[in-house]
Amino acid sequence: MKLRTTRTTAAALGLLAVLSTAVACGTESTDVTTHPDSGPGARVDASSSTSEEDLVALVEDAYGDADLGLHRGHRPVLDVLEEVLGLSHDELHERMDQGQNLAAVAEDVGVDPQALVDALVESRSPAVDRLLEAGTLTQDEADGYRAALEEAFTFRVTWDGEAETPTFAGLDG
């Protein structure tokens, strides 16, 4: 009987660890086939943005979800984080669970935090470029959205766990 109880307890703890990781990543599912831009902090897919409202949502998403602690729902940008930092998802979690923000993680692995910010901005820039090419945005507006993305991702990378997350309502907001 004791062996069965031990196995049940171990299985329950394993499930709890998986679920807490899923929540911290910003995905509501443990399904590994989930689209990388799904979950909290990902209201719009950067690859299919077609309006200025979509860009506003992308900037808002770039700040991340403060309710998820230092993780901020990194699932939507996980591919960029893994590529630039050279860490697996699990390794990233270990460091963030120990209290490191993305800037500290970057520095620990020899990456300038600004290089991480630049890569994150670049990952969302095609959405801006698409609207610029379509004539929906002027060059000044496109530059403004890129600057807003830079500000939002800088906040996300350097967030200390205390500062209130800013909001973005558009270039005129």
N, C-alpha and C. Protein backbone atom coordinates (compact mmCIF):
# COMPACT_ATOMS: atom_id res chain seq x y z
N MET A 1 0.82 -1.19 0.00
CA MET A 1 0.00 0.00 0.00
C MET A 1 0.86 1.25 0.00
N LYS A 2 1.96 1.24 0.77
CA LYS A 2 2.84 2.40 0.84
C LYS A 2 3.46 2.70 -0.53
N LEU A 3 3.84 1.68 -1.31
CA LEU A 3 4.41 1.87 -2.63
C LEU A 3 3.42 2.55 -3.55
N ARG A 4 2.16 2.14 -3.52
CA ARG A 4 1.13 2.74 -4.37
C ARG A 4 0.94 4.22 -4.00
N THR A 5 0.91 4.53 -2.71
CA THR A 5 0.75 5.90 -2.25
C THR A 5 1.94 6.75 -2.71
N THR A 6 3.14 6.20 -2.61
CA THR A 6 4.34 6.91 -3.04
C THR A 6 4.29 7.20 -4.54
N ARG A 7 3.89 6.21 -5.34
CA ARG A 7 3.79 6.40 -6.79
C ARG A 7 2.73 7.44 -7.13
N THR A 8 1.59 7.37 -6.46
CA THR A 8 0.51 8.34 -6.71
C THR A 8 0.97 9.74 -6.36
N THR A 9 1.65 9.88 -5.23
CA THR A 9 2.17 11.19 -4.82
C THR A 9 3.20 11.69 -5.82
N ALA A 10 4.09 10.84 -6.26
CA ALA A 10 5.11 11.24 -7.23
C ALA A 10 4.47 11.65 -8.55
N ALA A 11 3.47 10.91 -8.98
CA ALA A 11 2.78 11.26 -10.23
C ALA A 11 2.07 12.59 -10.10
N ALA A 12 1.43 12.83 -8.97
CA ALA A 12 0.74 14.10 -8.74
C ALA A 12 1.72 15.26 -8.72
N LEU A 13 2.86 15.08 -8.09
CA LEU A 13 3.86 16.15 -8.06
C LEU A 13 4.41 16.42 -9.46
N GLY A 14 4.60 15.38 -10.24
CA GLY A 14 5.07 15.55 -11.61
C GLY A 14 4.07 16.34 -12.44
N LEU A 15 2.79 16.01 -12.30
CA LEU A 15 1.75 16.73 -13.03
C LEU A 15 1.70 18.17 -12.58
N LEU A 16 1.84 18.42 -11.30
CA LEU A 16 1.83 19.78 -10.78
C LEU A 16 2.98 20.59 -11.37
N ALA A 17 4.15 19.99 -11.47
CA ALA A 17 5.31 20.68 -12.06
C ALA A 17 5.06 21.03 -13.51
N VAL A 18 4.48 20.11 -14.27
CA VAL A 18 4.18 20.37 -15.68
C VAL A 18 3.17 21.49 -15.82
N LEU A 19 2.13 21.44 -15.02
CA LEU A 19 1.09 22.47 -15.10
C LEU A 19 1.60 23.83 -14.68
N SER A 20 2.42 23.90 -13.63
CA SER A 20 2.94 25.20 -13.21
C SER A 20 3.88 25.77 -14.27
N THR A 21 4.64 24.91 -14.95
CA THR A 21 5.49 25.37 -16.04
C THR A 21 4.64 25.88 -17.19
N ALA A 22 3.56 25.20 -17.50
CA ALA A 22 2.67 25.63 -18.59
C ALA A 22 2.07 26.99 -18.28
N VAL A 23 1.66 27.20 -17.04
CA VAL A 23 1.08 28.48 -16.66
C VAL A 23 2.14 29.58 -16.74
N ALA A 24 3.32 29.33 -16.23
CA ALA A 24 4.38 30.33 -16.24
C ALA A 24 4.81 30.70 -17.65
N CYS A 25 4.71 29.76 -18.56
CA CYS A 25 5.10 30.02 -19.95
C CYS A 25 4.06 30.84 -20.68
N GLY A 26 2.87 30.87 -20.14
CA GLY A 26 1.83 31.61 -20.82
C GLY A 26 1.06 30.76 -21.79
N THR A 27 0.95 29.50 -21.50
CA THR A 27 0.12 28.63 -22.32
C THR A 27 -0.89 27.97 -21.41
N GLU A 28 -2.08 27.83 -21.87
CA GLU A 28 -3.12 27.23 -21.05
C GLU A 28 -3.19 25.73 -21.25
N SER A 29 -2.28 25.18 -21.98
CA SER A 29 -2.30 23.77 -22.29
C SER A 29 -0.90 23.22 -22.19
N THR A 30 -0.80 21.94 -21.88
CA THR A 30 0.51 21.30 -21.88
C THR A 30 0.78 20.65 -23.21
N ASP A 31 -0.06 20.87 -24.20
CA ASP A 31 0.09 20.30 -25.53
C ASP A 31 1.30 20.95 -26.20
N VAL A 32 2.31 20.16 -26.50
CA VAL A 32 3.52 20.72 -27.09
C VAL A 32 3.32 21.16 -28.53
N THR A 33 2.19 20.86 -29.13
CA THR A 33 1.94 21.31 -30.49
C THR A 33 1.26 22.68 -30.52
N THR A 34 1.06 23.29 -29.35
CA THR A 34 0.44 24.61 -29.27
C THR A 34 1.25 25.59 -30.12
N HIS A 35 0.54 26.44 -30.85
CA HIS A 35 1.22 27.45 -31.66
C HIS A 35 2.08 28.31 -30.75
N PRO A 36 3.31 28.62 -31.13
CA PRO A 36 4.20 29.37 -30.25
C PRO A 36 3.69 30.76 -29.90
N ASP A 37 2.76 31.30 -30.64
CA ASP A 37 2.23 32.62 -30.32
C ASP A 37 0.90 32.54 -29.60
N SER A 38 0.65 31.43 -28.89
CA SER A 38 -0.61 31.30 -28.17
C SER A 38 -0.40 31.52 -26.69
N GLY A 39 -1.50 31.67 -25.97
CA GLY A 39 -1.45 31.83 -24.52
C GLY A 39 -1.48 33.28 -24.12
N PRO A 40 -1.48 33.56 -22.81
CA PRO A 40 -1.48 34.93 -22.34
C PRO A 40 -0.30 35.71 -22.91
N GLY A 41 -0.51 36.94 -23.20
CA GLY A 41 0.56 37.75 -23.76
C GLY A 41 0.71 37.54 -25.25
N ALA A 42 -0.26 36.94 -25.90
CA ALA A 42 -0.18 36.71 -27.34
C ALA A 42 -1.58 36.84 -27.94
N ARG A 43 -2.05 38.06 -28.04
CA ARG A 43 -3.40 38.28 -28.56
C ARG A 43 -3.45 38.28 -30.07
N VAL A 44 -2.33 38.47 -30.72
CA VAL A 44 -2.31 38.53 -32.18
C VAL A 44 -1.04 37.85 -32.69
N ASP A 45 -1.15 37.19 -33.79
CA ASP A 45 -0.03 36.50 -34.42
C ASP A 45 0.73 37.51 -35.28
N ALA A 46 1.99 37.72 -35.00
CA ALA A 46 2.79 38.70 -35.73
C ALA A 46 2.84 38.41 -37.22
N SER A 47 2.75 37.16 -37.60
CA SER A 47 2.86 36.81 -39.02
C SER A 47 1.59 37.09 -39.80
N SER A 48 0.50 37.39 -39.11
CA SER A 48 -0.74 37.66 -39.83
C SER A 48 -1.37 39.00 -39.46
N SER A 49 -0.57 39.91 -38.94
CA SER A 49 -1.07 41.24 -38.57
C SER A 49 -1.44 42.01 -39.83
N THR A 50 -2.65 42.58 -39.82
CA THR A 50 -3.13 43.27 -41.01
C THR A 50 -3.65 44.67 -40.73
N SER A 51 -3.56 45.12 -39.48
CA SER A 51 -4.10 46.43 -39.15
C SER A 51 -3.25 47.11 -38.09
N GLU A 52 -3.48 48.40 -37.95
CA GLU A 52 -2.78 49.14 -36.92
C GLU A 52 -3.21 48.66 -35.53
N GLU A 53 -4.45 48.21 -35.40
CA GLU A 53 -4.92 47.64 -34.13
C GLU A 53 -4.10 46.40 -33.77
N ASP A 54 -3.74 45.61 -34.78
CA ASP A 54 -2.89 44.44 -34.54
C ASP A 54 -1.52 44.87 -34.01
N LEU A 55 -0.99 45.95 -34.55
CA LEU A 55 0.32 46.43 -34.08
C LEU A 55 0.24 46.91 -32.63
N VAL A 56 -0.85 47.58 -32.29
CA VAL A 56 -1.04 48.01 -30.91
C VAL A 56 -1.04 46.78 -29.99
N ALA A 57 -1.75 45.73 -30.40
CA ALA A 57 -1.79 44.49 -29.62
C ALA A 57 -0.40 43.84 -29.54
N LEU A 58 0.38 43.88 -30.62
CA LEU A 58 1.74 43.32 -30.60
C LEU A 58 2.62 44.05 -29.59
N VAL A 59 2.50 45.37 -29.55
CA VAL A 59 3.29 46.13 -28.58
C VAL A 59 2.86 45.79 -27.16
N GLU A 60 1.55 45.74 -26.93
CA GLU A 60 1.04 45.36 -25.61
C GLU A 60 1.56 43.98 -25.22
N ASP A 61 1.52 43.04 -26.17
CA ASP A 61 2.00 41.69 -25.92
C ASP A 61 3.49 41.66 -25.60
N ALA A 62 4.24 42.58 -26.21
CA ALA A 62 5.69 42.61 -25.99
C ALA A 62 6.05 42.88 -24.53
N TYR A 63 5.18 43.57 -23.81
CA TYR A 63 5.43 43.80 -22.38
C TYR A 63 5.32 42.52 -21.57
N GLY A 64 4.54 41.56 -22.05
CA GLY A 64 4.34 40.31 -21.33
C GLY A 64 3.26 40.44 -20.27
N ASP A 65 2.94 39.33 -19.65
CA ASP A 65 1.88 39.24 -18.66
C ASP A 65 2.48 39.24 -17.26
N ALA A 66 2.35 40.35 -16.55
CA ALA A 66 2.95 40.49 -15.22
C ALA A 66 2.40 39.48 -14.22
N ASP A 67 1.19 38.99 -14.46
CA ASP A 67 0.61 38.01 -13.55
C ASP A 67 1.39 36.70 -13.54
N LEU A 68 2.27 36.52 -14.51
CA LEU A 68 3.06 35.29 -14.61
C LEU A 68 4.47 35.46 -14.04
N GLY A 69 4.69 36.51 -13.28
CA GLY A 69 5.99 36.72 -12.65
C GLY A 69 7.07 36.99 -13.68
N LEU A 70 8.30 36.64 -13.34
CA LEU A 70 9.43 36.90 -14.24
C LEU A 70 9.26 36.22 -15.59
N HIS A 71 8.51 35.15 -15.63
CA HIS A 71 8.30 34.44 -16.89
C HIS A 71 7.53 35.31 -17.89
N ARG A 72 6.57 36.07 -17.43
CA ARG A 72 5.77 37.01 -18.22
C ARG A 72 5.12 36.37 -19.44
N GLY A 73 4.99 35.06 -19.44
CA GLY A 73 4.37 34.39 -20.58
C GLY A 73 5.31 34.35 -21.77
N HIS A 74 6.49 33.76 -21.59
CA HIS A 74 7.51 33.80 -22.64
C HIS A 74 7.24 32.87 -23.82
N ARG A 75 6.18 32.11 -23.78
CA ARG A 75 5.87 31.18 -24.86
C ARG A 75 5.83 31.87 -26.24
N PRO A 76 5.20 33.07 -26.37
CA PRO A 76 5.15 33.70 -27.69
C PRO A 76 6.52 34.07 -28.28
N VAL A 77 7.53 34.21 -27.42
CA VAL A 77 8.86 34.60 -27.91
C VAL A 77 9.91 33.54 -27.60
N LEU A 78 9.46 32.35 -27.26
CA LEU A 78 10.38 31.29 -26.85
C LEU A 78 11.41 30.95 -27.90
N ASP A 79 11.02 30.91 -29.16
CA ASP A 79 11.99 30.58 -30.21
C ASP A 79 13.13 31.58 -30.24
N VAL A 80 12.83 32.85 -30.07
CA VAL A 80 13.88 33.88 -30.05
C VAL A 80 14.75 33.72 -28.81
N LEU A 81 14.12 33.50 -27.66
CA LEU A 81 14.89 33.32 -26.43
C LEU A 81 15.84 32.14 -26.53
N GLU A 82 15.35 31.01 -27.04
CA GLU A 82 16.20 29.83 -27.16
C GLU A 82 17.35 30.06 -28.14
N GLU A 83 17.05 30.72 -29.27
CA GLU A 83 18.08 30.95 -30.28
C GLU A 83 19.17 31.90 -29.78
N VAL A 84 18.77 33.01 -29.19
CA VAL A 84 19.74 34.02 -28.77
C VAL A 84 20.49 33.59 -27.52
N LEU A 85 19.78 33.01 -26.56
CA LEU A 85 20.41 32.65 -25.28
C LEU A 85 21.09 31.28 -25.33
N GLY A 86 20.69 30.45 -26.29
CA GLY A 86 21.28 29.12 -26.38
C GLY A 86 20.88 28.22 -25.22
N LEU A 87 19.73 28.47 -24.63
CA LEU A 87 19.25 27.67 -23.51
C LEU A 87 17.96 26.97 -23.91
N SER A 88 17.76 25.81 -23.33
CA SER A 88 16.49 25.11 -23.55
C SER A 88 15.41 25.79 -22.72
N HIS A 89 14.20 25.45 -23.03
CA HIS A 89 13.05 25.95 -22.28
C HIS A 89 13.19 25.62 -20.79
N ASP A 90 13.58 24.39 -20.48
CA ASP A 90 13.74 23.98 -19.09
C ASP A 90 14.85 24.75 -18.39
N GLU A 91 15.97 24.95 -19.09
CA GLU A 91 17.07 25.72 -18.50
C GLU A 91 16.65 27.15 -18.21
N LEU A 92 15.90 27.71 -19.12
CA LEU A 92 15.40 29.07 -18.92
C LEU A 92 14.50 29.12 -17.69
N HIS A 93 13.63 28.15 -17.55
CA HIS A 93 12.75 28.08 -16.38
C HIS A 93 13.54 27.99 -15.08
N GLU A 94 14.56 27.15 -15.06
CA GLU A 94 15.36 27.00 -13.85
C GLU A 94 15.94 28.33 -13.41
N ARG A 95 16.48 29.08 -14.35
CA ARG A 95 17.08 30.37 -14.02
C ARG A 95 16.04 31.39 -13.57
N MET A 96 14.91 31.41 -14.24
CA MET A 96 13.87 32.37 -13.89
C MET A 96 13.23 32.00 -12.55
N ASP A 97 13.11 30.71 -12.28
CA ASP A 97 12.57 30.27 -10.99
C ASP A 97 13.51 30.62 -9.84
N GLN A 98 14.78 30.84 -10.15
CA GLN A 98 15.76 31.27 -9.15
C GLN A 98 15.79 32.79 -9.01
N GLY A 99 14.92 33.49 -9.76
CA GLY A 99 14.80 34.94 -9.60
C GLY A 99 15.52 35.77 -10.65
N GLN A 100 16.07 35.15 -11.67
CA GLN A 100 16.76 35.92 -12.71
C GLN A 100 15.75 36.44 -13.73
N ASN A 101 15.90 37.71 -14.10
CA ASN A 101 15.11 38.21 -15.23
C ASN A 101 15.88 37.89 -16.50
N LEU A 102 15.30 38.22 -17.64
CA LEU A 102 15.93 37.86 -18.91
C LEU A 102 17.29 38.55 -19.10
N ALA A 103 17.44 39.77 -18.61
CA ALA A 103 18.73 40.47 -18.73
C ALA A 103 19.82 39.72 -17.96
N ALA A 104 19.50 39.27 -16.75
CA ALA A 104 20.47 38.53 -15.94
C ALA A 104 20.82 37.20 -16.59
N VAL A 105 19.82 36.53 -17.14
CA VAL A 105 20.07 35.26 -17.84
C VAL A 105 21.00 35.51 -19.02
N ALA A 106 20.70 36.55 -19.80
CA ALA A 106 21.53 36.87 -20.96
C ALA A 106 22.98 37.12 -20.54
N GLU A 107 23.16 37.95 -19.54
CA GLU A 107 24.52 38.26 -19.09
C GLU A 107 25.25 37.01 -18.62
N ASP A 108 24.53 36.13 -17.91
CA ASP A 108 25.15 34.89 -17.42
C ASP A 108 25.65 33.99 -18.55
N VAL A 109 24.99 34.04 -19.69
CA VAL A 109 25.42 33.18 -20.80
C VAL A 109 26.26 33.96 -21.82
N GLY A 110 26.68 35.18 -21.45
CA GLY A 110 27.58 35.95 -22.30
C GLY A 110 26.90 36.69 -23.44
N VAL A 111 25.62 36.99 -23.31
CA VAL A 111 24.88 37.72 -24.34
C VAL A 111 24.52 39.11 -23.80
N ASP A 112 24.79 40.11 -24.59
CA ASP A 112 24.40 41.48 -24.22
C ASP A 112 22.88 41.54 -24.21
N PRO A 113 22.26 41.98 -23.11
CA PRO A 113 20.80 42.07 -23.07
C PRO A 113 20.21 42.88 -24.23
N GLN A 114 20.94 43.88 -24.72
CA GLN A 114 20.45 44.66 -25.85
C GLN A 114 20.35 43.81 -27.11
N ALA A 115 21.25 42.85 -27.26
CA ALA A 115 21.17 41.93 -28.41
C ALA A 115 19.89 41.10 -28.33
N LEU A 116 19.50 40.73 -27.12
CA LEU A 116 18.25 39.99 -26.95
C LEU A 116 17.06 40.88 -27.29
N VAL A 117 17.07 42.12 -26.81
CA VAL A 117 15.99 43.06 -27.13
C VAL A 117 15.91 43.24 -28.65
N ASP A 118 17.06 43.45 -29.29
CA ASP A 118 17.08 43.65 -30.74
C ASP A 118 16.48 42.46 -31.48
N ALA A 119 16.81 41.24 -31.04
CA ALA A 119 16.28 40.04 -31.69
C ALA A 119 14.76 39.93 -31.49
N LEU A 120 14.29 40.29 -30.31
CA LEU A 120 12.85 40.25 -30.04
C LEU A 120 12.12 41.27 -30.91
N VAL A 121 12.68 42.47 -31.03
CA VAL A 121 12.06 43.50 -31.89
C VAL A 121 12.06 43.02 -33.33
N GLU A 122 13.16 42.47 -33.77
CA GLU A 122 13.27 41.99 -35.15
C GLU A 122 12.24 40.90 -35.44
N SER A 123 11.93 40.09 -34.44
CA SER A 123 10.96 39.01 -34.64
C SER A 123 9.55 39.55 -34.89
N ARG A 124 9.29 40.77 -34.47
CA ARG A 124 7.97 41.37 -34.65
C ARG A 124 7.95 42.44 -35.75
N SER A 125 9.11 42.82 -36.24
CA SER A 125 9.21 43.87 -37.26
C SER A 125 8.53 43.54 -38.59
N PRO A 126 8.47 42.28 -39.02
CA PRO A 126 7.76 42.00 -40.28
C PRO A 126 6.30 42.47 -40.28
N ALA A 127 5.67 42.48 -39.12
CA ALA A 127 4.29 42.97 -39.04
C ALA A 127 4.25 44.46 -39.38
N VAL A 128 5.22 45.21 -38.88
CA VAL A 128 5.31 46.64 -39.17
C VAL A 128 5.63 46.84 -40.65
N ASP A 129 6.59 46.08 -41.15
CA ASP A 129 7.00 46.20 -42.56
C ASP A 129 5.84 45.93 -43.51
N ARG A 130 5.04 44.92 -43.18
CA ARG A 130 3.91 44.56 -44.03
C ARG A 130 2.91 45.72 -44.14
N LEU A 131 2.62 46.38 -43.02
CA LEU A 131 1.68 47.50 -43.04
C LEU A 131 2.28 48.73 -43.71
N LEU A 132 3.58 48.90 -43.59
CA LEU A 132 4.26 50.00 -44.28
C LEU A 132 4.19 49.78 -45.79
N GLU A 133 4.50 48.58 -46.23
CA GLU A 133 4.46 48.26 -47.66
C GLU A 133 3.05 48.37 -48.24
N ALA A 134 2.04 48.08 -47.43
CA ALA A 134 0.65 48.15 -47.88
C ALA A 134 0.13 49.59 -47.91
N GLY A 135 0.93 50.52 -47.38
CA GLY A 135 0.49 51.91 -47.35
C GLY A 135 -0.41 52.25 -46.16
N THR A 136 -0.55 51.31 -45.24
CA THR A 136 -1.37 51.54 -44.05
C THR A 136 -0.66 52.46 -43.07
N LEU A 137 0.68 52.40 -43.07
CA LEU A 137 1.50 53.24 -42.19
C LEU A 137 2.42 54.12 -43.01
N THR A 138 2.73 55.28 -42.47
CA THR A 138 3.79 56.11 -43.03
C THR A 138 5.13 55.61 -42.47
N GLN A 139 6.22 56.08 -43.02
CA GLN A 139 7.53 55.70 -42.48
C GLN A 139 7.67 56.16 -41.04
N ASP A 140 7.20 57.37 -40.73
CA ASP A 140 7.27 57.87 -39.35
C ASP A 140 6.47 56.98 -38.40
N GLU A 141 5.30 56.54 -38.82
CA GLU A 141 4.49 55.65 -37.98
C GLU A 141 5.17 54.30 -37.80
N ALA A 142 5.74 53.77 -38.87
CA ALA A 142 6.46 52.50 -38.77
C ALA A 142 7.62 52.63 -37.78
N ASP A 143 8.36 53.72 -37.89
CA ASP A 143 9.47 53.96 -36.95
C ASP A 143 8.95 54.07 -35.52
N GLY A 144 7.79 54.69 -35.36
CA GLY A 144 7.18 54.82 -34.04
C GLY A 144 6.80 53.47 -33.44
N TYR A 145 6.25 52.58 -34.27
CA TYR A 145 5.90 51.25 -33.78
C TYR A 145 7.14 50.43 -33.45
N ARG A 146 8.19 50.57 -34.25
CA ARG A 146 9.44 49.86 -33.92
C ARG A 146 10.02 50.37 -32.60
N ALA A 147 9.96 51.69 -32.39
CA ALA A 147 10.44 52.26 -31.13
C ALA A 147 9.59 51.78 -29.96
N ALA A 148 8.29 51.67 -30.17
CA ALA A 148 7.40 51.18 -29.11
C ALA A 148 7.71 49.72 -28.79
N LEU A 149 7.98 48.91 -29.81
CA LEU A 149 8.37 47.52 -29.58
C LEU A 149 9.69 47.45 -28.81
N GLU A 150 10.63 48.31 -29.17
CA GLU A 150 11.92 48.35 -28.46
C GLU A 150 11.72 48.69 -26.99
N GLU A 151 10.90 49.68 -26.72
CA GLU A 151 10.63 50.08 -25.34
C GLU A 151 9.95 48.94 -24.57
N ALA A 152 8.98 48.31 -25.19
CA ALA A 152 8.24 47.23 -24.52
C ALA A 152 9.14 46.02 -24.25
N PHE A 153 9.93 45.61 -25.24
CA PHE A 153 10.80 44.46 -25.02
C PHE A 153 11.94 44.78 -24.06
N THR A 154 12.41 46.02 -24.04
CA THR A 154 13.42 46.42 -23.06
C THR A 154 12.85 46.29 -21.65
N PHE A 155 11.62 46.75 -21.49
CA PHE A 155 10.95 46.61 -20.19
C PHE A 155 10.86 45.13 -19.81
N ARG A 156 10.44 44.31 -20.75
CA ARG A 156 10.26 42.88 -20.47
C ARG A 156 11.57 42.21 -20.09
N VAL A 157 12.64 42.50 -20.82
CA VAL A 157 13.93 41.86 -20.57
C VAL A 157 14.53 42.31 -19.25
N THR A 158 14.34 43.58 -18.88
CA THR A 158 14.96 44.12 -17.68
C THR A 158 14.02 44.18 -16.48
N TRP A 159 12.79 43.70 -16.62
CA TRP A 159 11.80 43.82 -15.55
C TRP A 159 12.31 43.21 -14.26
N ASP A 160 12.17 43.97 -13.18
CA ASP A 160 12.68 43.55 -11.87
C ASP A 160 11.66 42.82 -11.02
N GLY A 161 10.48 42.60 -11.54
CA GLY A 161 9.44 41.92 -10.79
C GLY A 161 8.61 42.87 -9.95
N GLU A 162 8.95 44.15 -9.96
CA GLU A 162 8.26 45.12 -9.12
C GLU A 162 7.53 46.19 -9.92
N ALA A 163 8.19 46.74 -10.91
CA ALA A 163 7.62 47.86 -11.65
C ALA A 163 6.30 47.49 -12.32
N GLU A 164 5.37 48.43 -12.29
CA GLU A 164 4.08 48.20 -12.93
C GLU A 164 4.25 48.19 -14.45
N THR A 165 3.58 47.26 -15.10
CA THR A 165 3.68 47.13 -16.54
C THR A 165 2.96 48.29 -17.22
N PRO A 166 3.66 49.02 -18.09
CA PRO A 166 3.02 50.10 -18.82
C PRO A 166 1.96 49.57 -19.79
N THR A 167 1.14 50.44 -20.26
CA THR A 167 0.17 50.08 -21.31
C THR A 167 0.51 50.86 -22.56
N PHE A 168 0.01 50.38 -23.69
CA PHE A 168 0.24 51.04 -24.97
C PHE A 168 -1.09 51.08 -25.70
N ALA A 169 -1.51 52.28 -26.04
CA ALA A 169 -2.80 52.44 -26.71
C ALA A 169 -2.64 52.94 -28.14
N GLY A 170 -1.44 52.90 -28.66
CA GLY A 170 -1.19 53.37 -30.01
C GLY A 170 -0.26 54.57 -30.00
N LEU A 171 0.13 55.00 -31.17
CA LEU A 171 1.08 56.10 -31.27
C LEU A 171 0.51 57.41 -30.75
N ASP A 172 -0.80 57.58 -30.86
CA ASP A 172 -1.42 58.81 -30.38
C ASP A 172 -1.92 58.67 -28.95
N GLY A 173 -1.84 57.44 -28.39
CA GLY A 173 -2.39 57.15 -27.07
C GLY A 173 -1.46 57.53 -26.01
